[in-house]
Amino acid sequence: MTCSPFSERTSLTQSQCLFLATVPRNIFADIRQQLLEKYNISEPEYKLIETVIIENQPHKAGQQWKFAGALYFVTVVVAMIGYGHSTPETVSGKAFCIVYAIVGIPLGMVMFQSIGERLNKFTSIIIKKIKKLLGCNNTGATDVNQLCVTGTLSIIVMTVGAAVFSHYEKWNYMDSFYYCFITLTTIGFGDYVALQKDNALTTKPGYVALSLVFILFGLTVVAASINLLVLRFMTMNTEDVKTGDYEMQDASQSVVTLDGELMAINGKLLASASEAMELSQGRVGSFTSIATVCSCTCYPRSHHSPSDLRHRYSIVR
């Protein structure tokens, strides 16, 4: 738990702050009444002091709306993380934030998607070269290969980022890794937010730049990994559907007319009545073994004789 500015001004230790967090709320009411009587302040004055203390807490890192803080804010907006550590207060600021988000979020998604596609292309080239060096028969980069590479890269980014934030923010490693995961998956609870201590936004420009690079690069890697994972699931479903479609096409690609001729569903003549009879008796093969060498423009015409038509198809045994 983080102590409030009021506790800092009264020189309370961290253990005392934790103790106050467990005290029942009626105790605070008694303390509030004692302060009103001791310092002879009115109820509105106490409310004003309380508001100033509460409003000062989010700005312990420095002024949030200077350039560094504003850049961090718009990055969080475009990336759809939404920590909630700083929000616009004025009507014009809220209106601009809405317009900016409507324009910036789609552009940000396109940017992350484009970079992610190029990252997947780069990983596929690396996978092919590695397979060639290892002497593999199949040197192609499958979706599973790319998913393993991007997933591993995502874990590396999170673990390295957790170590960096643990050093700068003085968090334990688990909290830092939790922050990285919540950030890069755009969940953005806001219970842990970087750059909120010791005026980091104004006194540590290198750390600010590192945090922004971590968010942008990390989102690109994680987005590429998630896209490959979703694509893999969709491909698995599509393969099952295609298998069923091929079976249906195999069973219905040819029909027999009333004259006994075998014709395709597009109207092409595949076999005459006698040849269809031989086919049905198992002398030729199966319906799927019949193939026509005619193109789509070789339909029977009025000037073609039956003998000409007979030479416009072939039967594969």
C-alpha atoms as a PDB file:
ATOM      1  CA  MET A   1       0.000   0.000   0.000  1.00  0.00           C
ATOM      2  CA  THR A   2       1.133   3.539  -0.723  1.00  0.00           C
ATOM      3  CA  CYS A   3       0.907   6.123   2.034  1.00  0.00           C
ATOM      4  CA  SER A   4      -1.025   9.286   1.331  1.00  0.00           C
ATOM      5  CA  PRO A   5       0.624  12.713   1.340  1.00  0.00           C
ATOM      6  CA  PHE A   6      -1.139  13.428   4.606  1.00  0.00           C
ATOM      7  CA  SER A   7       0.644  10.502   6.267  1.00  0.00           C
ATOM      8  CA  GLU A   8       3.950  11.665   4.793  1.00  0.00           C
ATOM      9  CA  ARG A   9       3.473  15.135   6.251  1.00  0.00           C
ATOM     10  CA  THR A  10       2.750  13.719   9.700  1.00  0.00           C
ATOM     11  CA  SER A  11       5.880  11.510   9.488  1.00  0.00           C
ATOM     12  CA  LEU A  12       4.021   8.170   9.599  1.00  0.00           C
ATOM     13  CA  THR A  13       6.025   5.067   8.787  1.00  0.00           C
ATOM     14  CA  GLN A  14       4.981   2.420   6.270  1.00  0.00           C
ATOM     15  CA  SER A  15       3.890   0.062   9.070  1.00  0.00           C
ATOM     16  CA  GLN A  16       1.736   2.812  10.582  1.00  0.00           C
ATOM     17  CA  CYS A  17       0.134   3.394   7.179  1.00  0.00           C
ATOM     18  CA  LEU A  18      -0.691  -0.298   6.921  1.00  0.00           C
ATOM     19  CA  PHE A  19      -2.156  -0.164  10.407  1.00  0.00           C
ATOM     20  CA  LEU A  20      -4.373   2.774   9.459  1.00  0.00           C
ATOM     21  CA  ALA A  21      -5.637   0.813   6.450  1.00  0.00           C
ATOM     22  CA  THR A  22      -7.031  -1.840   8.807  1.00  0.00           C
ATOM     23  CA  VAL A  23      -8.630   0.599  11.247  1.00  0.00           C
ATOM     24  CA  PRO A  24     -12.461   0.750  11.139  1.00  0.00           C
ATOM     25  CA  ARG A  25     -13.920   3.773   9.417  1.00  0.00           C
ATOM     26  CA  ASN A  26     -15.591   5.088  12.589  1.00  0.00           C
ATOM     27  CA  ILE A  27     -12.125   5.616  14.049  1.00  0.00           C
ATOM     28  CA  PHE A  28     -11.344   7.980  11.162  1.00  0.00           C
ATOM     29  CA  ALA A  29     -14.541   9.850  11.902  1.00  0.00           C
ATOM     30  CA  ASP A  30     -13.414  10.342  15.493  1.00  0.00           C
ATOM     31  CA  ILE A  31      -9.973  11.523  14.336  1.00  0.00           C
ATOM     32  CA  ARG A  32     -11.646  13.889  11.881  1.00  0.00           C
ATOM     33  CA  GLN A  33     -13.761  15.396  14.656  1.00  0.00           C
ATOM     34  CA  GLN A  34     -10.714  15.788  16.891  1.00  0.00           C
ATOM     35  CA  LEU A  35      -8.854  17.660  14.127  1.00  0.00           C
ATOM     36  CA  LEU A  36     -11.806  19.984  13.606  1.00  0.00           C
ATOM     37  CA  GLU A  37     -11.882  20.842  17.310  1.00  0.00           C
ATOM     38  CA  LYS A  38      -8.103  20.973  17.843  1.00  0.00           C
ATOM     39  CA  TYR A  39      -7.283  23.306  14.956  1.00  0.00           C
ATOM     40  CA  ASN A  40     -10.591  25.153  15.028  1.00  0.00           C
ATOM     41  CA  ILE A  41     -11.350  24.663  11.326  1.00  0.00           C
ATOM     42  CA  SER A  42     -14.754  24.566   9.748  1.00  0.00           C
ATOM     43  CA  GLU A  43     -16.313  21.702   7.825  1.00  0.00           C
ATOM     44  CA  PRO A  44     -15.801  23.348   4.366  1.00  0.00           C
ATOM     45  CA  GLU A  45     -12.169  24.072   5.212  1.00  0.00           C
ATOM     46  CA  TYR A  46     -11.601  20.457   6.209  1.00  0.00           C
ATOM     47  CA  LYS A  47     -13.223  19.278   2.970  1.00  0.00           C
ATOM     48  CA  LEU A  48     -10.928  21.596   1.016  1.00  0.00           C
ATOM     49  CA  ILE A  49      -7.813  20.242   2.756  1.00  0.00           C
ATOM     50  CA  GLU A  50      -9.016  16.691   2.154  1.00  0.00           C
ATOM     51  CA  THR A  51      -9.598  17.393  -1.548  1.00  0.00           C
ATOM     52  CA  VAL A  52      -6.168  18.949  -1.974  1.00  0.00           C
ATOM     53  CA  ILE A  53      -4.511  15.920  -0.372  1.00  0.00           C
ATOM     54  CA  ILE A  54      -6.467  13.439  -2.492  1.00  0.00           C
ATOM     55  CA  GLU A  55      -5.918  15.353  -5.732  1.00  0.00           C
ATOM     56  CA  ASN A  56      -2.203  15.665  -5.022  1.00  0.00           C
ATOM     57  CA  GLN A  57      -1.700  11.895  -4.730  1.00  0.00           C
ATOM     58  CA  PRO A  58      -1.805  10.978  -8.486  1.00  0.00           C
ATOM     59  CA  HIS A  59       0.728  13.703  -9.270  1.00  0.00           C
ATOM     60  CA  LYS A  60       3.532  12.446  -7.043  1.00  0.00           C
ATOM     61  CA  ALA A  61       5.507  11.601 -10.195  1.00  0.00           C
ATOM     62  CA  GLY A  62       5.441  15.236 -11.261  1.00  0.00           C
ATOM     63  CA  GLN A  63       3.040  17.185 -13.418  1.00  0.00           C
ATOM     64  CA  GLN A  64       1.178  14.660 -15.553  1.00  0.00           C
ATOM     65  CA  TRP A  65       0.302  17.147 -18.296  1.00  0.00           C
ATOM     66  CA  LYS A  66       3.766  18.296 -19.171  1.00  0.00           C
ATOM     67  CA  PHE A  67       5.096  16.908 -22.460  1.00  0.00           C
ATOM     68  CA  ALA A  68       6.502  13.657 -21.035  1.00  0.00           C
ATOM     69  CA  GLY A  69       3.350  12.902 -19.062  1.00  0.00           C
ATOM     70  CA  ALA A  70       1.088  13.831 -21.979  1.00  0.00           C
ATOM     71  CA  LEU A  71       3.103  11.624 -24.341  1.00  0.00           C
ATOM     72  CA  TYR A  72       2.782   8.740 -21.906  1.00  0.00           C
ATOM     73  CA  PHE A  73      -0.967   9.397 -21.652  1.00  0.00           C
ATOM     74  CA  VAL A  74      -1.610   9.398 -25.411  1.00  0.00           C
ATOM     75  CA  THR A  75       0.488   6.235 -25.820  1.00  0.00           C
ATOM     76  CA  VAL A  76      -1.691   4.499 -23.246  1.00  0.00           C
ATOM     77  CA  VAL A  77      -4.817   5.740 -25.044  1.00  0.00           C
ATOM     78  CA  VAL A  78      -3.740   4.630 -28.528  1.00  0.00           C
ATOM     79  CA  ALA A  79      -2.566   1.271 -27.195  1.00  0.00           C
ATOM     80  CA  MET A  80      -5.966   0.807 -25.476  1.00  0.00           C
ATOM     81  CA  ILE A  81      -4.314   0.051 -22.125  1.00  0.00           C
ATOM     82  CA  GLY A  82      -6.153   2.686 -20.111  1.00  0.00           C
ATOM     83  CA  TYR A  83      -4.452   2.654 -16.712  1.00  0.00           C
ATOM     84  CA  GLY A  84      -6.633   5.457 -15.413  1.00  0.00           C
ATOM     85  CA  HIS A  85      -3.718   7.050 -13.555  1.00  0.00           C
ATOM     86  CA  SER A  86      -4.450  10.395 -15.220  1.00  0.00           C
ATOM     87  CA  THR A  87      -7.629  11.555 -16.914  1.00  0.00           C
ATOM     88  CA  PRO A  88      -8.787  14.795 -18.545  1.00  0.00           C
ATOM     89  CA  GLU A  89     -10.811  17.029 -16.255  1.00  0.00           C
ATOM     90  CA  THR A  90     -12.087  19.826 -18.506  1.00  0.00           C
ATOM     91  CA  VAL A  91     -14.912  19.482 -21.022  1.00  0.00           C
ATOM     92  CA  SER A  92     -12.655  20.475 -23.909  1.00  0.00           C
ATOM     93  CA  GLY A  93     -10.021  17.967 -22.760  1.00  0.00           C
ATOM     94  CA  LYS A  94     -12.576  15.148 -22.614  1.00  0.00           C
ATOM     95  CA  ALA A  95     -13.943  16.068 -26.056  1.00  0.00           C
ATOM     96  CA  PHE A  96     -10.464  16.126 -27.563  1.00  0.00           C
ATOM     97  CA  CYS A  97      -9.658  12.787 -25.907  1.00  0.00           C
ATOM     98  CA  ILE A  98     -12.750  11.221 -27.541  1.00  0.00           C
ATOM     99  CA  VAL A  99     -11.863  12.554 -30.993  1.00  0.00           C
ATOM    100  CA  TYR A 100      -8.210  11.602 -30.567  1.00  0.00           C
ATOM    101  CA  ALA A 101      -9.132   8.061 -29.513  1.00  0.00           C
ATOM    102  CA  ILE A 102     -11.550   7.618 -32.447  1.00  0.00           C
ATOM    103  CA  VAL A 103      -8.803   8.587 -34.898  1.00  0.00           C
ATOM    104  CA  GLY A 104      -5.755   7.255 -33.062  1.00  0.00           C
ATOM    105  CA  ILE A 105      -6.928   3.788 -32.013  1.00  0.00           C
ATOM    106  CA  PRO A 106      -7.640   2.519 -35.575  1.00  0.00           C
ATOM    107  CA  LEU A 107      -4.343   3.960 -36.792  1.00  0.00           C
ATOM    108  CA  GLY A 108      -2.568   2.334 -33.879  1.00  0.00           C
ATOM    109  CA  MET A 109      -4.177  -1.023 -34.647  1.00  0.00           C
ATOM    110  CA  VAL A 110      -3.088  -0.754 -38.287  1.00  0.00           C
ATOM    111  CA  MET A 111       0.436   0.111 -37.179  1.00  0.00           C
ATOM    112  CA  PHE A 112       0.672  -2.814 -34.757  1.00  0.00           C
ATOM    113  CA  GLN A 113      -0.813  -5.167 -37.358  1.00  0.00           C
ATOM    114  CA  SER A 114       1.615  -4.039 -40.068  1.00  0.00           C
ATOM    115  CA  ILE A 115       4.654  -4.325 -37.823  1.00  0.00           C
ATOM    116  CA  GLY A 116       3.432  -7.692 -36.568  1.00  0.00           C
ATOM    117  CA  GLU A 117       3.086  -9.031 -40.119  1.00  0.00           C
ATOM    118  CA  ARG A 118       6.626  -7.946 -40.965  1.00  0.00           C
ATOM    119  CA  LEU A 119       7.853  -9.520 -37.750  1.00  0.00           C
ATOM    120  CA  ASN A 120       6.184 -12.803 -38.726  1.00  0.00           C
ATOM    121  CA  LYS A 121       7.753 -12.556 -42.176  1.00  0.00           C
ATOM    122  CA  PHE A 122      11.173 -12.014 -40.629  1.00  0.00           C
ATOM    123  CA  THR A 123      10.730 -14.979 -38.276  1.00  0.00           C
ATOM    124  CA  SER A 124       9.672 -17.206 -41.189  1.00  0.00           C
ATOM    125  CA  ILE A 125      12.886 -16.318 -43.058  1.00  0.00           C
ATOM    126  CA  ILE A 126      14.977 -17.109 -39.970  1.00  0.00           C
ATOM    127  CA  ILE A 127      13.161 -20.429 -39.487  1.00  0.00           C
ATOM    128  CA  LYS A 128      13.783 -21.430 -43.121  1.00  0.00           C
ATOM    129  CA  LYS A 129      17.496 -20.651 -42.855  1.00  0.00           C
ATOM    130  CA  ILE A 130      17.815 -22.589 -39.599  1.00  0.00           C
ATOM    131  CA  LYS A 131      16.068 -25.605 -41.125  1.00  0.00           C
ATOM    132  CA  LYS A 132      18.377 -25.491 -44.135  1.00  0.00           C
ATOM    133  CA  LEU A 133      21.414 -25.400 -41.865  1.00  0.00           C
ATOM    134  CA  LEU A 134      20.054 -28.368 -39.918  1.00  0.00           C
ATOM    135  CA  GLY A 135      19.437 -30.283 -43.133  1.00  0.00           C
ATOM    136  CA  CYS A 136      15.693 -30.700 -42.693  1.00  0.00           C
ATOM    137  CA  ASN A 137      13.716 -32.095 -45.601  1.00  0.00           C
ATOM    138  CA  ASN A 138      10.882 -29.616 -45.148  1.00  0.00           C
ATOM    139  CA  THR A 139      12.395 -26.138 -44.903  1.00  0.00           C
ATOM    140  CA  GLY A 140       9.105 -24.280 -44.871  1.00  0.00           C
ATOM    141  CA  ALA A 141       8.021 -22.224 -41.867  1.00  0.00           C
ATOM    142  CA  THR A 142       4.711 -23.490 -40.527  1.00  0.00           C
ATOM    143  CA  ASP A 143       2.278 -21.588 -38.337  1.00  0.00           C
ATOM    144  CA  VAL A 144       3.325 -23.704 -35.374  1.00  0.00           C
ATOM    145  CA  ASN A 145       6.990 -22.783 -35.925  1.00  0.00           C
ATOM    146  CA  GLN A 146       6.193 -19.076 -36.084  1.00  0.00           C
ATOM    147  CA  LEU A 147       3.907 -19.336 -33.063  1.00  0.00           C
ATOM    148  CA  CYS A 148       6.686 -20.931 -31.030  1.00  0.00           C
ATOM    149  CA  VAL A 149       9.151 -18.217 -32.040  1.00  0.00           C
ATOM    150  CA  THR A 150       6.832 -15.256 -31.374  1.00  0.00           C
ATOM    151  CA  GLY A 151       5.583 -16.831 -28.148  1.00  0.00           C
ATOM    152  CA  THR A 152       9.151 -17.269 -26.937  1.00  0.00           C
ATOM    153  CA  LEU A 153       9.964 -13.698 -27.937  1.00  0.00           C
ATOM    154  CA  SER A 154       6.901 -12.443 -26.020  1.00  0.00           C
ATOM    155  CA  ILE A 155       8.045 -14.272 -22.882  1.00  0.00           C
ATOM    156  CA  ILE A 156      11.548 -12.827 -23.267  1.00  0.00           C
ATOM    157  CA  VAL A 157      10.166  -9.293 -23.607  1.00  0.00           C
ATOM    158  CA  MET A 158       8.027  -9.720 -20.484  1.00  0.00           C
ATOM    159  CA  THR A 159      10.775 -11.257 -18.373  1.00  0.00           C
ATOM    160  CA  VAL A 160      13.363  -8.637 -19.364  1.00  0.00           C
ATOM    161  CA  GLY A 161      10.828  -5.839 -18.888  1.00  0.00           C
ATOM    162  CA  ALA A 162       9.940  -7.220 -15.462  1.00  0.00           C
ATOM    163  CA  ALA A 163      13.604  -7.097 -14.431  1.00  0.00           C
ATOM    164  CA  VAL A 164      13.930  -3.495 -15.645  1.00  0.00           C
ATOM    165  CA  PHE A 165      10.778  -2.258 -13.896  1.00  0.00           C
ATOM    166  CA  SER A 166      11.688  -4.144 -10.754  1.00  0.00           C
ATOM    167  CA  HIS A 167      14.948  -2.183 -10.671  1.00  0.00           C
ATOM    168  CA  TYR A 168      13.471   1.259 -11.362  1.00  0.00           C
ATOM    169  CA  GLU A 169      10.161   0.961  -9.488  1.00  0.00           C
ATOM    170  CA  LYS A 170      11.518  -1.054  -6.529  1.00  0.00           C
ATOM    171  CA  TRP A 171       8.798  -3.686  -7.046  1.00  0.00           C
ATOM    172  CA  ASN A 172       9.400  -7.362  -6.431  1.00  0.00           C
ATOM    173  CA  TYR A 173       9.855  -9.442  -9.578  1.00  0.00           C
ATOM    174  CA  MET A 174       6.391 -11.025  -9.467  1.00  0.00           C
ATOM    175  CA  ASP A 175       4.689  -7.628  -9.277  1.00  0.00           C
ATOM    176  CA  SER A 176       6.837  -6.377 -12.142  1.00  0.00           C
ATOM    177  CA  PHE A 177       6.024  -9.394 -14.310  1.00  0.00           C
ATOM    178  CA  TYR A 178       2.347  -8.942 -13.430  1.00  0.00           C
ATOM    179  CA  TYR A 179       2.556  -5.302 -14.540  1.00  0.00           C
ATOM    180  CA  CYS A 180       4.213  -6.291 -17.845  1.00  0.00           C
ATOM    181  CA  PHE A 181       1.582  -8.934 -18.566  1.00  0.00           C
ATOM    182  CA  ILE A 182      -1.351  -6.652 -17.712  1.00  0.00           C
ATOM    183  CA  THR A 183       0.170  -3.909 -19.857  1.00  0.00           C
ATOM    184  CA  LEU A 184       1.071  -5.923 -22.970  1.00  0.00           C
ATOM    185  CA  THR A 185      -2.266  -7.741 -23.027  1.00  0.00           C
ATOM    186  CA  THR A 186      -3.973  -4.287 -22.843  1.00  0.00           C
ATOM    187  CA  ILE A 187      -5.937  -5.266 -19.728  1.00  0.00           C
ATOM    188  CA  GLY A 188      -4.636  -2.204 -17.886  1.00  0.00           C
ATOM    189  CA  PHE A 189      -6.046  -2.550 -14.371  1.00  0.00           C
ATOM    190  CA  GLY A 190      -4.021   0.451 -13.212  1.00  0.00           C
ATOM    191  CA  ASP A 191      -3.071  -1.010  -9.825  1.00  0.00           C
ATOM    192  CA  TYR A 192       0.564  -0.881 -10.951  1.00  0.00           C
ATOM    193  CA  VAL A 193       1.678   2.005 -13.163  1.00  0.00           C
ATOM    194  CA  ALA A 194       5.251   2.880 -14.045  1.00  0.00           C
ATOM    195  CA  LEU A 195       6.721   6.394 -13.934  1.00  0.00           C
ATOM    196  CA  GLN A 196       4.678   7.419 -10.890  1.00  0.00           C
ATOM    197  CA  LYS A 197       7.487   7.792  -8.348  1.00  0.00           C
ATOM    198  CA  ASP A 198      10.150  10.379  -7.552  1.00  0.00           C
ATOM    199  CA  ASN A 199       9.138  12.797 -10.328  1.00  0.00           C
ATOM    200  CA  ALA A 200      10.200  10.198 -12.897  1.00  0.00           C
ATOM    201  CA  LEU A 201       8.313  11.912 -15.725  1.00  0.00           C
ATOM    202  CA  THR A 202      10.408  15.047 -15.393  1.00  0.00           C
ATOM    203  CA  THR A 203      13.729  13.834 -13.964  1.00  0.00           C
ATOM    204  CA  LYS A 204      14.243  10.519 -15.799  1.00  0.00           C
ATOM    205  CA  PRO A 205      13.760  11.064 -19.553  1.00  0.00           C
ATOM    206  CA  GLY A 206      15.717   7.916 -20.378  1.00  0.00           C
ATOM    207  CA  TYR A 207      13.409   5.823 -18.230  1.00  0.00           C
ATOM    208  CA  VAL A 208      10.380   7.463 -19.869  1.00  0.00           C
ATOM    209  CA  ALA A 209      11.715   6.605 -23.342  1.00  0.00           C
ATOM    210  CA  LEU A 210      12.460   3.045 -22.238  1.00  0.00           C
ATOM    211  CA  SER A 211       8.919   2.628 -20.923  1.00  0.00           C
ATOM    212  CA  LEU A 212       7.404   3.892 -24.176  1.00  0.00           C
ATOM    213  CA  VAL A 213       9.609   1.607 -26.279  1.00  0.00           C
ATOM    214  CA  PHE A 214       8.675  -1.325 -24.050  1.00  0.00           C
ATOM    215  CA  ILE A 215       4.961  -0.653 -24.531  1.00  0.00           C
ATOM    216  CA  LEU A 216       5.134  -0.185 -28.316  1.00  0.00           C
ATOM    217  CA  PHE A 217       7.555  -3.011 -29.082  1.00  0.00           C
ATOM    218  CA  GLY A 218       6.011  -5.371 -26.549  1.00  0.00           C
ATOM    219  CA  LEU A 219       2.499  -4.799 -27.880  1.00  0.00           C
ATOM    220  CA  THR A 220       3.731  -5.536 -31.405  1.00  0.00           C
ATOM    221  CA  VAL A 221       5.314  -8.845 -30.374  1.00  0.00           C
ATOM    222  CA  VAL A 222       2.391  -9.978 -28.238  1.00  0.00           C
ATOM    223  CA  ALA A 223      -0.126  -8.937 -30.912  1.00  0.00           C
ATOM    224  CA  ALA A 224       1.783 -10.936 -33.535  1.00  0.00           C
ATOM    225  CA  SER A 225       1.792 -13.980 -31.268  1.00  0.00           C
ATOM    226  CA  ILE A 226      -1.915 -13.709 -30.499  1.00  0.00           C
ATOM    227  CA  ASN A 227      -2.755 -13.217 -34.182  1.00  0.00           C
ATOM    228  CA  LEU A 228      -0.848 -16.382 -35.099  1.00  0.00           C
ATOM    229  CA  LEU A 229      -2.609 -18.290 -32.332  1.00  0.00           C
ATOM    230  CA  VAL A 230      -6.046 -17.162 -33.519  1.00  0.00           C
ATOM    231  CA  LEU A 231      -5.094 -17.869 -37.135  1.00  0.00           C
ATOM    232  CA  ARG A 232      -4.022 -21.384 -36.172  1.00  0.00           C
ATOM    233  CA  PHE A 233      -7.369 -22.116 -34.525  1.00  0.00           C
ATOM    234  CA  MET A 234      -9.236 -20.697 -37.533  1.00  0.00           C
ATOM    235  CA  THR A 235      -7.108 -22.745 -39.932  1.00  0.00           C
ATOM    236  CA  MET A 236      -7.811 -25.943 -38.022  1.00  0.00           C
ATOM    237  CA  ASN A 237     -11.536 -25.310 -38.273  1.00  0.00           C
ATOM    238  CA  THR A 238     -11.263 -24.416 -41.965  1.00  0.00           C
ATOM    239  CA  GLU A 239      -9.385 -27.620 -42.741  1.00  0.00           C
ATOM    240  CA  ASP A 240     -12.205 -29.688 -41.224  1.00  0.00           C
ATOM    241  CA  VAL A 241     -14.776 -27.797 -43.258  1.00  0.00           C
ATOM    242  CA  LYS A 242     -12.769 -28.183 -46.470  1.00  0.00           C
ATOM    243  CA  THR A 243     -12.460 -31.931 -45.907  1.00  0.00           C
ATOM    244  CA  GLY A 244     -16.226 -32.198 -45.751  1.00  0.00           C
ATOM    245  CA  ASP A 245     -16.608 -29.998 -48.839  1.00  0.00           C
ATOM    246  CA  TYR A 246     -14.184 -32.154 -50.834  1.00  0.00           C
ATOM    247  CA  GLU A 247     -16.113 -35.280 -49.911  1.00  0.00           C
ATOM    248  CA  MET A 248     -19.358 -33.677 -51.041  1.00  0.00           C
ATOM    249  CA  GLN A 249     -17.779 -32.499 -54.297  1.00  0.00           C
ATOM    250  CA  ASP A 250     -16.340 -35.947 -54.889  1.00  0.00           C
ATOM    251  CA  ALA A 251     -19.792 -37.503 -54.550  1.00  0.00           C
ATOM    252  CA  SER A 252     -21.668 -34.913 -56.594  1.00  0.00           C
ATOM    253  CA  GLN A 253     -19.251 -33.774 -59.284  1.00  0.00           C
ATOM    254  CA  SER A 254     -20.965 -35.907 -61.963  1.00  0.00           C
ATOM    255  CA  VAL A 255     -24.541 -36.951 -62.775  1.00  0.00           C
ATOM    256  CA  VAL A 256     -26.108 -39.422 -65.153  1.00  0.00           C
ATOM    257  CA  THR A 257     -28.700 -38.076 -67.597  1.00  0.00           C
ATOM    258  CA  LEU A 258     -31.861 -39.810 -68.739  1.00  0.00           C
ATOM    259  CA  ASP A 259     -30.011 -40.926 -71.891  1.00  0.00           C
ATOM    260  CA  GLY A 260     -27.418 -42.715 -69.792  1.00  0.00           C
ATOM    261  CA  GLU A 261     -24.635 -40.202 -70.489  1.00  0.00           C
ATOM    262  CA  LEU A 262     -22.287 -39.114 -67.721  1.00  0.00           C
ATOM    263  CA  MET A 263     -22.094 -35.351 -67.385  1.00  0.00           C
ATOM    264  CA  ALA A 264     -20.477 -32.954 -64.952  1.00  0.00           C
ATOM    265  CA  ILE A 265     -22.609 -30.584 -62.931  1.00  0.00           C
ATOM    266  CA  ASN A 266     -21.411 -27.719 -65.129  1.00  0.00           C
ATOM    267  CA  GLY A 267     -22.890 -29.378 -68.217  1.00  0.00           C
ATOM    268  CA  LYS A 268     -19.754 -30.915 -69.707  1.00  0.00           C
ATOM    269  CA  LEU A 269     -20.049 -34.369 -71.296  1.00  0.00           C
ATOM    270  CA  LEU A 270     -17.743 -36.803 -69.478  1.00  0.00           C
ATOM    271  CA  ALA A 271     -18.761 -40.151 -71.009  1.00  0.00           C
ATOM    272  CA  SER A 272     -21.253 -41.564 -73.432  1.00  0.00           C
ATOM    273  CA  ALA A 273     -23.973 -44.010 -72.414  1.00  0.00           C
ATOM    274  CA  SER A 274     -21.885 -47.105 -73.215  1.00  0.00           C
ATOM    275  CA  GLU A 275     -18.836 -45.762 -71.392  1.00  0.00           C
ATOM    276  CA  ALA A 276     -20.960 -44.799 -68.419  1.00  0.00           C
ATOM    277  CA  MET A 277     -22.259 -48.356 -68.344  1.00  0.00           C
ATOM    278  CA  GLU A 278     -18.699 -49.697 -68.334  1.00  0.00           C
ATOM    279  CA  LEU A 279     -17.871 -47.268 -65.542  1.00  0.00           C
ATOM    280  CA  SER A 280     -20.822 -48.361 -63.447  1.00  0.00           C
ATOM    281  CA  GLN A 281     -19.767 -52.009 -63.907  1.00  0.00           C
ATOM    282  CA  GLY A 282     -16.312 -51.216 -62.513  1.00  0.00           C
ATOM    283  CA  ARG A 283     -14.399 -51.625 -65.769  1.00  0.00           C
ATOM    284  CA  VAL A 284     -13.045 -48.108 -65.890  1.00  0.00           C
ATOM    285  CA  GLY A 285     -12.605 -46.943 -62.279  1.00  0.00           C
ATOM    286  CA  SER A 286     -14.600 -44.437 -60.309  1.00  0.00           C
ATOM    287  CA  PHE A 287     -16.417 -41.253 -61.061  1.00  0.00           C
ATOM    288  CA  THR A 288     -13.520 -39.281 -59.642  1.00  0.00           C
ATOM    289  CA  SER A 289     -11.075 -40.841 -62.124  1.00  0.00           C
ATOM    290  CA  ILE A 290     -12.868 -39.251 -65.062  1.00  0.00           C
ATOM    291  CA  ALA A 291     -11.237 -36.080 -66.323  1.00  0.00           C
ATOM    292  CA  THR A 292     -12.001 -33.902 -69.289  1.00  0.00           C
ATOM    293  CA  VAL A 293      -9.383 -32.133 -71.356  1.00  0.00           C
ATOM    294  CA  CYS A 294     -11.918 -29.623 -72.638  1.00  0.00           C
ATOM    295  CA  SER A 295     -11.686 -26.053 -71.460  1.00  0.00           C
ATOM    296  CA  CYS A 296     -14.733 -24.058 -70.460  1.00  0.00           C
ATOM    297  CA  THR A 297     -15.059 -22.785 -74.069  1.00  0.00           C
ATOM    298  CA  CYS A 298     -15.278 -26.278 -75.597  1.00  0.00           C
ATOM    299  CA  TYR A 299     -18.980 -26.811 -75.127  1.00  0.00           C
ATOM    300  CA  PRO A 300     -20.763 -28.772 -77.895  1.00  0.00           C
ATOM    301  CA  ARG A 301     -21.668 -26.511 -80.823  1.00  0.00           C
ATOM    302  CA  SER A 302     -24.111 -26.983 -83.644  1.00  0.00           C
ATOM    303  CA  HIS A 303     -21.411 -27.522 -86.300  1.00  0.00           C
ATOM    304  CA  HIS A 304     -19.665 -30.221 -84.255  1.00  0.00           C
ATOM    305  CA  SER A 305     -20.499 -33.785 -85.110  1.00  0.00           C
ATOM    306  CA  PRO A 306     -20.872 -36.523 -82.478  1.00  0.00           C
ATOM    307  CA  SER A 307     -17.569 -37.984 -83.634  1.00  0.00           C
ATOM    308  CA  ASP A 308     -15.866 -34.633 -82.947  1.00  0.00           C
ATOM    309  CA  LEU A 309     -17.362 -34.511 -79.481  1.00  0.00           C
ATOM    310  CA  ARG A 310     -16.110 -38.031 -78.801  1.00  0.00           C
ATOM    311  CA  HIS A 311     -12.514 -36.799 -79.157  1.00  0.00           C
ATOM    312  CA  ARG A 312     -12.986 -33.837 -76.851  1.00  0.00           C
ATOM    313  CA  TYR A 313     -12.798 -35.879 -73.661  1.00  0.00           C
ATOM    314  CA  SER A 314     -10.617 -38.576 -72.266  1.00  0.00           C
ATOM    315  CA  ILE A 315     -11.076 -41.198 -69.585  1.00  0.00           C
ATOM    316  CA  VAL A 316      -8.279 -41.863 -67.149  1.00  0.00           C
ATOM    317  CA  ARG A 317      -8.095 -45.483 -66.115  1.00  0.00           C
END
